[in-house]
Amino acid sequence: MKITAQDEYGLRILVRIAKCKDKTGLSIPQLSEAEGLSQPNVSKLTRILRMEGLINSTKGHVGGYVLARPAADITVNDVLKALGRRLFDEEFCANHVGVLKLCTNSVDCSIRSLWTMVQSTIDKLLDKITIADLSTNSEKEAASTFQGFLEENAH
């Protein structure tokens, strides 16, 4: 799975907003400075996150961005789907046909079964991890929590 800069920065912005105690939220300049990102990049990401219903903007010259719903109700999977695409989706096979119009394995493909299983496993894990998990836990606590999720999936 390739994690893009957009995925990483979008998650960082949401975690930063979730940690904010100010009712008016955080502005683009504040997010830019706090995360070490350019203002145009933060602006692009906040636009995507707002259009996908993950954050709301507050009005006025002191306005900023706040979560659109509680951090515990926003999963990492929600965020990644909003920011980009899944590792494996319906278009995957059509996009990897080689020089032909159809994949030579389009009827019977064990590789497609592998990618489907990998995507399902990733989805199950990322559907359990929330922005609250990322914004309220230290790295060590988060690692322990996520290890527990993995162990649940193993059974």
C-alpha atoms as a PDB file:
ATOM      1  CA  MET A   1       0.000   0.000   0.000  1.00  0.00           C
ATOM      2  CA  LYS A   2       1.418   3.340  -0.974  1.00  0.00           C
ATOM      3  CA  ILE A   3       0.550   6.137   1.411  1.00  0.00           C
ATOM      4  CA  THR A   4       0.606   9.460  -0.404  1.00  0.00           C
ATOM      5  CA  ALA A   5       1.668  12.831   0.955  1.00  0.00           C
ATOM      6  CA  GLN A   6      -1.975  13.886   0.622  1.00  0.00           C
ATOM      7  CA  ASP A   7      -3.031  10.985   2.883  1.00  0.00           C
ATOM      8  CA  GLU A   8      -0.379  11.801   5.503  1.00  0.00           C
ATOM      9  CA  TYR A   9      -0.914  15.552   5.510  1.00  0.00           C
ATOM     10  CA  GLY A  10      -4.709  15.245   5.488  1.00  0.00           C
ATOM     11  CA  LEU A  11      -4.604  12.959   8.524  1.00  0.00           C
ATOM     12  CA  ARG A  12      -2.172  15.292  10.283  1.00  0.00           C
ATOM     13  CA  ILE A  13      -4.473  18.259   9.657  1.00  0.00           C
ATOM     14  CA  LEU A  14      -7.495  16.373  11.030  1.00  0.00           C
ATOM     15  CA  VAL A  15      -5.585  15.250  14.122  1.00  0.00           C
ATOM     16  CA  ARG A  16      -4.386  18.825  14.693  1.00  0.00           C
ATOM     17  CA  ILE A  17      -7.962  20.144  14.372  1.00  0.00           C
ATOM     18  CA  ALA A  18      -9.231  17.402  16.719  1.00  0.00           C
ATOM     19  CA  LYS A  19      -6.692  18.464  19.368  1.00  0.00           C
ATOM     20  CA  CYS A  20      -7.753  22.128  19.145  1.00  0.00           C
ATOM     21  CA  LYS A  21      -9.732  23.313  22.175  1.00  0.00           C
ATOM     22  CA  ASP A  22     -10.792  26.633  20.590  1.00  0.00           C
ATOM     23  CA  LYS A  23     -14.434  26.635  19.372  1.00  0.00           C
ATOM     24  CA  THR A  24     -13.483  28.670  16.288  1.00  0.00           C
ATOM     25  CA  GLY A  25     -10.979  26.016  15.236  1.00  0.00           C
ATOM     26  CA  LEU A  26      -7.718  26.537  13.402  1.00  0.00           C
ATOM     27  CA  SER A  27      -7.089  28.771  10.409  1.00  0.00           C
ATOM     28  CA  ILE A  28      -5.096  27.839   7.331  1.00  0.00           C
ATOM     29  CA  PRO A  29      -2.082  29.904   8.500  1.00  0.00           C
ATOM     30  CA  GLN A  30      -2.231  28.230  11.933  1.00  0.00           C
ATOM     31  CA  LEU A  31      -2.454  24.743  10.413  1.00  0.00           C
ATOM     32  CA  SER A  32       0.324  25.584   7.971  1.00  0.00           C
ATOM     33  CA  GLU A  33       2.666  26.731  10.728  1.00  0.00           C
ATOM     34  CA  ALA A  34       1.785  23.911  13.138  1.00  0.00           C
ATOM     35  CA  GLU A  35       2.295  21.163  10.553  1.00  0.00           C
ATOM     36  CA  GLY A  36       5.124  22.709   8.538  1.00  0.00           C
ATOM     37  CA  LEU A  37       3.089  22.695   5.319  1.00  0.00           C
ATOM     38  CA  SER A  38       2.604  25.415   2.720  1.00  0.00           C
ATOM     39  CA  GLN A  39      -0.587  27.450   2.988  1.00  0.00           C
ATOM     40  CA  PRO A  40      -1.676  26.485  -0.563  1.00  0.00           C
ATOM     41  CA  ASN A  41      -1.305  22.794   0.333  1.00  0.00           C
ATOM     42  CA  VAL A  42      -3.265  23.236   3.578  1.00  0.00           C
ATOM     43  CA  SER A  43      -5.911  25.185   1.670  1.00  0.00           C
ATOM     44  CA  LYS A  44      -6.264  22.373  -0.887  1.00  0.00           C
ATOM     45  CA  LEU A  45      -6.509  19.696   1.799  1.00  0.00           C
ATOM     46  CA  THR A  46      -8.991  21.591   3.968  1.00  0.00           C
ATOM     47  CA  ARG A  47     -11.142  22.167   0.881  1.00  0.00           C
ATOM     48  CA  ILE A  48     -11.208  18.412   0.160  1.00  0.00           C
ATOM     49  CA  LEU A  49     -11.899  17.555   3.802  1.00  0.00           C
ATOM     50  CA  ARG A  50     -14.688  20.159   3.973  1.00  0.00           C
ATOM     51  CA  MET A  51     -16.294  19.003   0.721  1.00  0.00           C
ATOM     52  CA  GLU A  52     -16.204  15.404   1.994  1.00  0.00           C
ATOM     53  CA  GLY A  53     -18.006  16.421   5.199  1.00  0.00           C
ATOM     54  CA  LEU A  54     -15.136  15.800   7.607  1.00  0.00           C
ATOM     55  CA  ILE A  55     -14.577  19.418   8.675  1.00  0.00           C
ATOM     56  CA  ASN A  56     -16.586  22.627   8.777  1.00  0.00           C
ATOM     57  CA  SER A  57     -15.333  26.161   8.452  1.00  0.00           C
ATOM     58  CA  THR A  58     -16.230  28.843  10.962  1.00  0.00           C
ATOM     59  CA  LYS A  59     -16.973  32.319   9.631  1.00  0.00           C
ATOM     60  CA  GLY A  60     -15.237  35.592  10.223  1.00  0.00           C
ATOM     61  CA  HIS A  61     -11.752  37.008  10.317  1.00  0.00           C
ATOM     62  CA  VAL A  62     -10.910  34.810  13.318  1.00  0.00           C
ATOM     63  CA  GLY A  63     -12.617  31.754  11.861  1.00  0.00           C
ATOM     64  CA  GLY A  64     -11.033  28.442  11.161  1.00  0.00           C
ATOM     65  CA  TYR A  65     -11.757  24.767  10.715  1.00  0.00           C
ATOM     66  CA  VAL A  66     -13.432  22.409  13.168  1.00  0.00           C
ATOM     67  CA  LEU A  67     -14.409  18.746  12.908  1.00  0.00           C
ATOM     68  CA  ALA A  68     -17.811  18.207  11.317  1.00  0.00           C
ATOM     69  CA  ARG A  69     -18.587  15.403  13.770  1.00  0.00           C
ATOM     70  CA  PRO A  70     -16.945  13.961  16.884  1.00  0.00           C
ATOM     71  CA  ALA A  71     -13.409  12.638  16.414  1.00  0.00           C
ATOM     72  CA  ALA A  72     -14.580   9.222  17.634  1.00  0.00           C
ATOM     73  CA  ASP A  73     -17.005   9.084  14.673  1.00  0.00           C
ATOM     74  CA  ILE A  74     -14.392   9.755  11.972  1.00  0.00           C
ATOM     75  CA  THR A  75     -12.386   6.682  10.987  1.00  0.00           C
ATOM     76  CA  VAL A  76      -9.024   6.671   9.270  1.00  0.00           C
ATOM     77  CA  ASN A  77     -10.725   4.793   6.445  1.00  0.00           C
ATOM     78  CA  ASP A  78     -13.218   7.676   6.048  1.00  0.00           C
ATOM     79  CA  VAL A  79     -10.315  10.085   5.727  1.00  0.00           C
ATOM     80  CA  LEU A  80      -8.303   8.011   3.268  1.00  0.00           C
ATOM     81  CA  LYS A  81     -11.361   7.462   1.067  1.00  0.00           C
ATOM     82  CA  ALA A  82     -11.995  11.218   1.084  1.00  0.00           C
ATOM     83  CA  LEU A  83      -8.400  12.104   0.230  1.00  0.00           C
ATOM     84  CA  GLY A  84      -7.644   9.581  -2.440  1.00  0.00           C
ATOM     85  CA  ARG A  85      -8.406   6.105  -3.447  1.00  0.00           C
ATOM     86  CA  ARG A  86      -8.326   2.620  -2.057  1.00  0.00           C
ATOM     87  CA  LEU A  87      -5.435   0.244  -2.682  1.00  0.00           C
ATOM     88  CA  PHE A  88      -7.698  -2.068  -4.701  1.00  0.00           C
ATOM     89  CA  ASP A  89     -11.004  -1.088  -6.267  1.00  0.00           C
ATOM     90  CA  GLU A  90     -13.194  -2.100  -9.183  1.00  0.00           C
ATOM     91  CA  GLU A  91     -11.175  -0.065 -11.696  1.00  0.00           C
ATOM     92  CA  PHE A  92      -7.869  -1.667 -10.694  1.00  0.00           C
ATOM     93  CA  CYS A  93      -8.012  -4.544 -13.175  1.00  0.00           C
ATOM     94  CA  ALA A  94      -9.180  -2.298 -16.009  1.00  0.00           C
ATOM     95  CA  ASN A  95      -6.230   0.013 -15.342  1.00  0.00           C
ATOM     96  CA  HIS A  96      -3.680  -2.818 -15.498  1.00  0.00           C
ATOM     97  CA  VAL A  97      -4.451  -4.635 -18.737  1.00  0.00           C
ATOM     98  CA  GLY A  98      -1.021  -4.233 -20.302  1.00  0.00           C
ATOM     99  CA  VAL A  99      -1.120  -3.640 -24.053  1.00  0.00           C
ATOM    100  CA  LEU A 100      -4.462  -5.431 -24.500  1.00  0.00           C
ATOM    101  CA  LYS A 101      -8.009  -4.088 -24.141  1.00  0.00           C
ATOM    102  CA  LEU A 102      -8.836  -6.663 -21.449  1.00  0.00           C
ATOM    103  CA  CYS A 103      -6.622  -8.343 -18.883  1.00  0.00           C
ATOM    104  CA  THR A 104      -5.638 -11.849 -19.928  1.00  0.00           C
ATOM    105  CA  ASN A 105      -6.771 -13.004 -16.468  1.00  0.00           C
ATOM    106  CA  SER A 106     -10.098 -11.163 -16.379  1.00  0.00           C
ATOM    107  CA  VAL A 107     -12.152 -14.359 -16.031  1.00  0.00           C
ATOM    108  CA  ASP A 108     -10.134 -16.376 -13.497  1.00  0.00           C
ATOM    109  CA  CYS A 109      -7.603 -14.401 -11.468  1.00  0.00           C
ATOM    110  CA  SER A 110      -6.024 -15.569  -8.231  1.00  0.00           C
ATOM    111  CA  ILE A 111      -4.154 -12.253  -7.968  1.00  0.00           C
ATOM    112  CA  ARG A 112      -7.455 -10.339  -7.892  1.00  0.00           C
ATOM    113  CA  SER A 113      -8.485 -12.587  -4.969  1.00  0.00           C
ATOM    114  CA  LEU A 114      -5.264 -11.642  -3.161  1.00  0.00           C
ATOM    115  CA  TRP A 115      -5.794  -7.876  -3.625  1.00  0.00           C
ATOM    116  CA  THR A 116      -9.448  -8.180  -2.592  1.00  0.00           C
ATOM    117  CA  MET A 117      -8.428  -9.960   0.629  1.00  0.00           C
ATOM    118  CA  VAL A 118      -5.669  -7.407   1.354  1.00  0.00           C
ATOM    119  CA  GLN A 119      -8.105  -4.508   0.827  1.00  0.00           C
ATOM    120  CA  SER A 120     -10.715  -6.141   3.057  1.00  0.00           C
ATOM    121  CA  THR A 121      -8.165  -6.646   5.842  1.00  0.00           C
ATOM    122  CA  ILE A 122      -6.958  -3.048   5.574  1.00  0.00           C
ATOM    123  CA  ASP A 123     -10.552  -1.758   5.577  1.00  0.00           C
ATOM    124  CA  LYS A 124     -11.419  -3.745   8.717  1.00  0.00           C
ATOM    125  CA  LEU A 125      -8.449  -2.285  10.570  1.00  0.00           C
ATOM    126  CA  LEU A 126      -8.835   1.302   9.328  1.00  0.00           C
ATOM    127  CA  ASP A 127     -12.576   1.237  10.090  1.00  0.00           C
ATOM    128  CA  LYS A 128     -11.685   0.666  13.778  1.00  0.00           C
ATOM    129  CA  ILE A 129      -9.089   3.432  14.135  1.00  0.00           C
ATOM    130  CA  THR A 130     -10.584   6.879  14.655  1.00  0.00           C
ATOM    131  CA  ILE A 131      -9.301  10.428  14.692  1.00  0.00           C
ATOM    132  CA  ALA A 132      -9.940  10.300  18.462  1.00  0.00           C
ATOM    133  CA  ASP A 133      -7.499   7.380  18.741  1.00  0.00           C
ATOM    134  CA  LEU A 134      -4.884   9.423  16.910  1.00  0.00           C
ATOM    135  CA  SER A 135      -5.505  12.702  18.717  1.00  0.00           C
ATOM    136  CA  THR A 136      -5.794  11.550  22.330  1.00  0.00           C
ATOM    137  CA  ASN A 137      -3.135   8.836  22.559  1.00  0.00           C
ATOM    138  CA  SER A 138       0.638   9.087  22.698  1.00  0.00           C
ATOM    139  CA  GLU A 139       2.543   7.141  20.055  1.00  0.00           C
ATOM    140  CA  LYS A 140       3.170   4.324  22.536  1.00  0.00           C
ATOM    141  CA  GLU A 141      -0.500   4.168  23.610  1.00  0.00           C
ATOM    142  CA  ALA A 142      -1.640   4.256  19.990  1.00  0.00           C
ATOM    143  CA  ALA A 143       0.723   1.417  19.047  1.00  0.00           C
ATOM    144  CA  SER A 144      -0.708  -0.696  21.862  1.00  0.00           C
ATOM    145  CA  THR A 145      -4.295   0.092  20.840  1.00  0.00           C
ATOM    146  CA  PHE A 146      -3.602  -0.711  17.195  1.00  0.00           C
ATOM    147  CA  GLN A 147      -1.840  -3.955  18.130  1.00  0.00           C
ATOM    148  CA  GLY A 148      -5.005  -4.943  19.979  1.00  0.00           C
ATOM    149  CA  PHE A 149      -7.043  -4.273  16.826  1.00  0.00           C
ATOM    150  CA  LEU A 150      -4.689  -6.507  14.835  1.00  0.00           C
ATOM    151  CA  GLU A 151      -4.998  -9.277  17.374  1.00  0.00           C
ATOM    152  CA  GLU A 152      -8.819  -9.022  17.244  1.00  0.00           C
ATOM    153  CA  ASN A 153      -8.687  -9.440  13.459  1.00  0.00           C
ATOM    154  CA  ALA A 154      -6.447 -12.495  13.779  1.00  0.00           C
ATOM    155  CA  HIS A 155      -9.135 -14.451  15.615  1.00  0.00           C
END
